[in-house]
Protein backbone atom coordinates (compact mmCIF):
# COMPACT_ATOMS: atom_id res chain seq x y z
CA UNK A 1 -4.41 5.38 10.71
CA UNK A 2 -6.82 8.08 11.51
CA UNK A 3 -7.49 8.82 15.15
CA UNK A 4 -11.01 8.96 16.26
CA UNK A 5 -12.30 10.40 19.51
CA UNK A 6 -12.52 7.98 22.43
CA UNK A 7 -14.58 10.40 24.61
CA UNK A 8 -17.44 8.51 26.27
CA UNK A 9 -15.73 5.22 26.33
CA UNK A 10 -15.03 3.55 29.76
CA UNK A 11 -11.84 4.53 31.43
CA UNK A 12 -10.29 1.09 30.87
CA UNK A 13 -10.83 1.37 27.15
CA UNK A 14 -9.39 4.84 26.94
CA UNK A 15 -6.20 3.74 28.89
CA UNK A 16 -5.69 0.69 26.49
CA UNK A 17 -6.26 3.08 23.50
CA UNK A 18 -3.84 5.71 24.67
CA UNK A 19 -1.05 3.25 25.35
CA UNK A 20 -1.59 1.37 22.08
CA UNK A 21 -1.86 4.39 19.97
CA UNK A 22 1.45 5.67 21.33
CA UNK A 23 3.03 2.32 20.33
CA UNK A 24 1.62 2.51 16.83
CA UNK A 25 2.52 6.20 16.38
CA UNK A 26 6.12 5.43 17.24
CA UNK A 27 6.30 2.78 14.31
CA UNK A 28 3.95 4.16 11.70
CA UNK A 29 2.88 7.56 10.39
CA UNK A 30 -0.62 8.84 11.16
CA UNK A 31 -2.15 7.68 7.84
CA UNK A 32 -4.49 4.88 6.80
CA UNK A 33 -1.57 2.93 5.53
CA UNK A 34 -0.02 -0.16 7.33
CA UNK A 35 3.59 -0.66 7.62
CA UNK A 36 5.63 -1.81 4.61
CA UNK A 37 7.02 -5.30 4.54
CA UNK A 38 9.59 -6.97 2.41
CA UNK A 39 8.24 -9.43 -0.26
CA UNK A 40 9.17 -13.09 0.05
CA UNK A 41 9.03 -13.45 -3.72
CA UNK A 42 7.91 -11.24 -6.51
CA UNK A 43 8.76 -9.15 -9.55
CA UNK A 44 8.11 -5.60 -10.77
CA UNK A 45 8.47 -5.37 -14.49
CA UNK A 46 7.93 -2.55 -16.96
CA UNK A 47 8.64 -1.22 -20.41
CA UNK A 48 8.13 1.86 -22.46
CA UNK A 49 8.38 2.80 -26.12
CA UNK A 50 10.92 5.36 -27.30
CA UNK A 51 9.92 8.71 -25.90
CA UNK A 52 8.07 7.37 -22.72
CA UNK A 53 9.42 9.48 -19.90
CA UNK A 54 8.95 7.43 -16.73
CA UNK A 55 10.79 4.43 -18.09
CA UNK A 56 13.15 6.27 -20.42
CA UNK A 57 11.87 3.96 -23.22
CA UNK A 58 13.66 1.12 -21.47
CA UNK A 59 12.41 -2.24 -20.16
CA UNK A 60 13.39 -3.84 -16.74
CA UNK A 61 12.44 -6.50 -14.30
CA UNK A 62 13.34 -6.31 -10.66
CA UNK A 63 13.03 -9.43 -8.44
CA UNK A 64 12.58 -9.55 -4.72
CA UNK A 65 15.72 -10.74 -3.09
CA UNK A 66 17.92 -9.51 -5.78
CA UNK A 67 17.52 -5.78 -5.10
CA UNK A 68 18.26 -3.69 -2.07
CA UNK A 69 14.41 -3.29 -1.26
CA UNK A 70 11.28 -4.80 -2.49
CA UNK A 71 8.51 -3.46 -0.05
CA UNK A 72 4.77 -3.85 -0.34
CA UNK A 73 2.39 -1.86 1.71
CA UNK A 74 -1.53 -1.92 1.86
CA UNK A 75 -4.06 0.47 3.07
CA UNK A 76 -5.74 -0.72 6.27
CA UNK A 77 -9.15 -0.69 4.60
CA UNK A 78 -8.04 -2.65 1.54
CA UNK A 79 -8.24 0.30 -0.79
CA UNK A 80 -4.75 0.61 -1.99
CA UNK A 81 -1.38 -1.14 -2.49
CA UNK A 82 2.05 0.41 -2.83
CA UNK A 83 5.25 -1.03 -3.92
CA UNK A 84 8.66 0.47 -3.55
CA UNK A 85 11.85 -1.13 -5.31
CA UNK A 86 15.26 0.15 -4.64
CA UNK A 87 17.65 -1.25 -7.11
CA UNK A 88 21.28 -2.19 -6.47
CA UNK A 89 22.26 0.96 -8.29
CA UNK A 90 20.12 2.92 -5.88
CA UNK A 91 17.23 3.89 -8.21
CA UNK A 92 13.96 3.95 -6.32
CA UNK A 93 10.84 2.93 -8.25
CA UNK A 94 7.37 3.34 -6.85
CA UNK A 95 4.03 1.95 -7.85
CA UNK A 96 0.74 3.13 -6.29
CA UNK A 97 -2.70 1.47 -7.05
CA UNK A 98 -5.88 2.77 -5.38
CA UNK A 99 -9.59 2.03 -5.92
CA UNK A 100 -11.97 5.06 -5.80
CA UNK A 101 -12.81 6.45 -2.29
CA UNK A 102 -14.85 3.99 -0.26
CA UNK A 103 -14.08 1.01 -2.22
CA UNK A 104 -11.65 -1.93 -1.76
CA UNK A 105 -9.33 -3.21 -4.49
CA UNK A 106 -11.20 -6.16 -5.92
CA UNK A 107 -9.85 -9.27 -7.50
CA UNK A 108 -10.62 -9.42 -11.34
CA UNK A 109 -11.53 -5.69 -11.42
CA UNK A 110 -10.22 -3.38 -14.14
CA UNK A 111 -9.84 0.28 -13.20
CA UNK A 112 -9.93 2.81 -15.94
CA UNK A 113 -9.48 6.50 -15.94
CA UNK A 114 -7.07 6.40 -13.22
CA UNK A 115 -5.19 9.61 -12.25
CA UNK A 116 -2.40 10.53 -9.83
CA UNK A 117 -2.66 12.49 -6.54
CA UNK A 118 -3.72 15.18 -6.13
CA UNK A 119 -5.66 15.33 -9.35
CA UNK A 120 -7.69 12.16 -8.72
CA UNK A 121 -11.18 12.85 -7.47
CA UNK A 122 -13.08 10.75 -4.88
CA UNK A 123 -14.63 8.85 -7.77
CA UNK A 124 -11.29 8.13 -9.66
CA UNK A 125 -8.93 5.28 -9.18
CA UNK A 126 -5.38 6.30 -8.53
CA UNK A 127 -2.27 5.27 -10.31
CA UNK A 128 1.20 6.53 -9.87
CA UNK A 129 4.33 4.77 -11.30
CA UNK A 130 7.77 6.24 -11.82
CA UNK A 131 11.42 6.41 -10.57
CA UNK A 132 12.55 9.37 -8.36
CA UNK A 133 14.58 11.01 -11.17
CA UNK A 134 11.74 10.30 -13.80
CA UNK A 135 8.41 11.23 -12.00
CA UNK A 136 5.35 12.40 -13.95
CA UNK A 137 3.83 15.66 -12.97
CA UNK A 138 0.53 14.48 -14.27
CA UNK A 139 -0.57 11.12 -15.50
CA UNK A 140 -3.58 8.95 -16.76
CA UNK A 141 -3.89 5.21 -17.06
CA UNK A 142 -5.61 2.16 -16.06
CA UNK A 143 -4.80 -1.08 -14.09
CA UNK A 144 -6.18 -4.57 -13.53
CA UNK A 145 -5.96 -6.59 -10.32
CA UNK A 146 -5.90 -10.09 -11.39
CA UNK A 147 -5.38 -11.46 -7.88
CA UNK A 148 -5.23 -9.93 -4.39
CA UNK A 149 -5.37 -11.25 -0.83
CA UNK A 150 -5.28 -9.16 2.29
CA UNK A 151 -4.31 -10.14 5.79
CA UNK A 152 -4.98 -8.50 9.12
CA UNK A 153 -4.73 -4.59 9.23
CA UNK A 154 -4.06 -4.11 5.48
CA UNK A 155 -1.27 -6.58 5.27
CA UNK A 156 -0.97 -7.67 1.58
CA UNK A 157 -0.58 -11.45 1.46
CA UNK A 158 -0.41 -11.70 -2.38
CA UNK A 159 -1.02 -9.40 -5.45
CA UNK A 160 -0.94 -9.81 -9.33
CA UNK A 161 -1.62 -6.54 -11.24
CA UNK A 162 -1.00 -5.01 -14.57
CA UNK A 163 -1.03 -1.34 -15.39
CA UNK A 164 -0.54 1.23 -18.16
CA UNK A 165 0.32 4.87 -17.74
CA UNK A 166 0.61 7.90 -19.83
CA UNK A 167 3.05 10.41 -18.35
CA UNK A 168 2.44 14.12 -18.30
CA UNK A 169 0.32 14.17 -21.49
CA UNK A 170 2.48 11.82 -23.43
CA UNK A 171 1.29 9.73 -26.33
CA UNK A 172 3.14 6.49 -25.57
CA UNK A 173 2.53 4.48 -22.40
CA UNK A 174 4.47 2.72 -19.77
CA UNK A 175 3.24 -0.79 -19.13
CA UNK A 176 4.09 -3.04 -16.36
CA UNK A 177 3.12 -5.81 -13.92
CA UNK A 178 3.51 -6.43 -10.23
CA UNK A 179 3.72 -9.97 -8.84
CA UNK A 180 4.31 -10.41 -5.11
CA UNK A 181 3.89 -13.00 -2.42
CA UNK A 182 4.48 -12.03 1.15
CA UNK A 183 5.71 -13.70 4.24
CA UNK A 184 3.24 -14.64 6.97
CA UNK A 185 1.98 -11.41 8.65
CA UNK A 186 3.59 -10.35 12.06
CA UNK A 187 1.37 -11.96 14.81
CA UNK A 188 0.60 -8.74 16.40
CA UNK A 189 -1.35 -7.33 13.37
CA UNK A 190 -4.52 -9.02 14.52
CA UNK A 191 -4.39 -6.96 17.66
CA UNK A 192 -4.22 -3.77 15.51
CA UNK A 193 -7.36 -4.94 13.75
CA UNK A 194 -8.93 -5.17 17.22
CA UNK A 195 -7.81 -1.65 17.99
CA UNK A 196 -9.49 -0.53 14.80
CA UNK A 197 -12.57 -2.32 15.70
CA UNK A 198 -12.56 -0.82 19.24
CA UNK A 199 -12.09 2.81 17.85
CA UNK A 200 -15.01 2.17 15.27
CA UNK A 201 -17.40 -0.23 16.67
CA UNK A 202 -18.21 -2.68 19.45
CA UNK A 203 -15.48 -3.40 21.99
CA UNK A 204 -13.72 -6.70 21.54
CA UNK A 205 -13.15 -8.91 24.54
CA UNK A 206 -9.88 -10.08 25.98
CA UNK A 207 -7.41 -7.72 24.08
CA UNK A 208 -4.79 -6.57 26.34
CA UNK A 209 -1.84 -4.24 26.26
CA UNK A 210 0.50 -7.20 25.60
CA UNK A 211 -1.40 -7.89 22.45
CA UNK A 212 -0.66 -4.36 21.16
CA UNK A 213 2.94 -4.66 22.37
CA UNK A 214 3.28 -7.66 20.01
CA UNK A 215 1.71 -5.66 17.18
CA UNK A 216 4.61 -3.13 17.01
CA UNK A 217 8.21 -4.32 16.44
CA UNK A 218 10.89 -2.91 18.52
CA UNK A 219 12.98 -0.20 16.96
């Protein structure tokens, strides 16, 4: 999450912000991305024709609860979703989907002309898919979000999406789907939403340091 100046706010607000930000920084990098959480149910499936680099021309399906890790992470502004799957063999697969700058991922929307960071421009959607040993230097592609539901502070409740990616100038695509349902969000995430509102807009009432304590799990 980006830190904005609190100069000019009342002393009580500044004190609450300082303590709450300290708690949040201890748990989360200073980005606009909420913490990742393990999916309750879900699958990441993909396939590639012979010669496709990211998939090695193979097909696979990984299921939450049957792998070492199946994490889903959302941007606090609803603009992006990332998924990390670590297989029982130790392979780490990553999928990143993002709308153009200033937009939220929208249910039913198709995003074409997607590029990977850092080549994507502000008007471009972003798509990145691969495994640590088979990562594309550049890529182009598209994705469709058939269903998405966000909770507080960028928490992803549910997502269903399909994607296609051409890796490093390749002529055959990797195709895949992500389906995930998450457990109920941690109770304290609503307090982090209040913190974001406090930094960006009118000050909410009756939000205390205890609320922020509940927003960040103990290490």
